[in-house]
Amino acid sequence: MEENTMAVQHGELISQRQACKRFRVAPATLRSRVRRGQIATFENPLDQRSMLFRVSDLQELARIRPVQGRVA
């Protein structure tokens, strides 16, 4: 597991910074997905101001994200 990565019963949790880097997404995009209810967040016990994301949720969003610039 990466540094500052936490594990819970339903899977690995990562910080917003780690999520942005790993899934190549902007912080504003993650916040927007959270507001729309498309992705769940979890409270960081070490810092209540920061959000944690379940990796499996992010992977699911990455799978359904359309590829831009492709012509069928």
Protein backbone atom coordinates (compact mmCIF):
# COMPACT_ATOMS: atom_id res chain seq x y z
CA MET A 1 0.00 0.00 0.00
CA GLU A 2 1.10 3.56 -0.68
CA GLU A 3 2.05 5.95 2.06
CA ASN A 4 -0.99 7.66 3.65
CA THR A 5 -3.31 5.06 2.12
CA MET A 6 -5.93 3.55 4.39
CA ALA A 7 -7.83 0.29 4.09
CA VAL A 8 -11.42 -0.32 5.17
CA GLN A 9 -13.69 -3.32 4.95
CA HIS A 10 -14.88 -2.33 1.47
CA GLY A 11 -11.53 -1.48 -0.08
CA GLU A 12 -8.62 0.87 -0.22
CA LEU A 13 -9.14 4.57 0.52
CA ILE A 14 -6.95 7.28 -0.97
CA SER A 15 -6.71 11.04 -0.57
CA GLN A 16 -7.98 13.54 -3.11
CA ARG A 17 -4.42 14.33 -4.17
CA GLN A 18 -3.66 10.63 -4.71
CA ALA A 19 -6.94 10.14 -6.59
CA CYS A 20 -6.21 13.05 -8.93
CA LYS A 21 -2.73 11.79 -9.68
CA ARG A 22 -3.64 8.12 -10.05
CA PHE A 23 -6.75 8.66 -12.19
CA ARG A 24 -5.57 11.82 -13.98
CA VAL A 25 -8.52 13.94 -12.97
CA ALA A 26 -8.76 17.51 -11.71
CA PRO A 27 -9.74 18.21 -8.08
CA ALA A 28 -12.73 20.24 -9.32
CA THR A 29 -13.96 17.21 -11.27
CA LEU A 30 -13.86 15.03 -8.15
CA ARG A 31 -15.70 17.66 -6.11
CA SER A 32 -18.32 17.93 -8.85
CA ARG A 33 -18.84 14.16 -8.88
CA VAL A 34 -19.23 14.20 -5.10
CA ARG A 35 -21.84 17.00 -5.26
CA ARG A 36 -23.80 15.07 -7.92
CA GLY A 37 -23.75 11.95 -5.76
CA GLN A 38 -21.73 9.96 -8.28
CA ILE A 39 -18.97 9.10 -5.84
CA ALA A 40 -18.90 8.64 -2.08
CA THR A 41 -16.40 10.24 0.27
CA PHE A 42 -15.17 9.13 3.64
CA GLU A 43 -13.94 11.16 6.58
CA ASN A 44 -10.22 11.09 7.18
CA PRO A 45 -9.73 10.30 10.89
CA LEU A 46 -6.43 12.17 10.82
CA ASP A 47 -7.81 15.34 9.19
CA GLN A 48 -11.57 15.99 9.09
CA ARG A 49 -11.08 18.71 6.47
CA SER A 50 -9.86 16.25 3.84
CA MET A 51 -11.85 13.69 1.86
CA LEU A 52 -10.96 10.09 1.20
CA PHE A 53 -12.17 8.16 -1.84
CA ARG A 54 -12.64 4.43 -2.32
CA VAL A 55 -10.38 3.20 -5.13
CA SER A 56 -13.02 0.80 -6.46
CA ASP A 57 -15.48 3.72 -6.86
CA LEU A 58 -12.88 5.71 -8.79
CA GLN A 59 -12.07 2.72 -10.99
CA GLU A 60 -15.75 2.32 -11.83
CA LEU A 61 -16.02 5.98 -12.84
CA ALA A 62 -12.87 5.63 -14.94
CA ARG A 63 -14.39 2.66 -16.78
CA ILE A 64 -17.54 4.54 -17.79
CA ARG A 65 -15.79 7.79 -18.70
CA PRO A 66 -16.09 8.43 -22.44
CA VAL A 67 -12.93 8.74 -24.49
CA GLN A 68 -12.76 12.19 -26.07
CA GLY A 69 -11.51 12.72 -29.59
CA ARG A 70 -12.37 9.24 -30.83
CA VAL A 71 -14.42 8.80 -33.96
CA ALA A 72 -16.31 5.54 -34.41
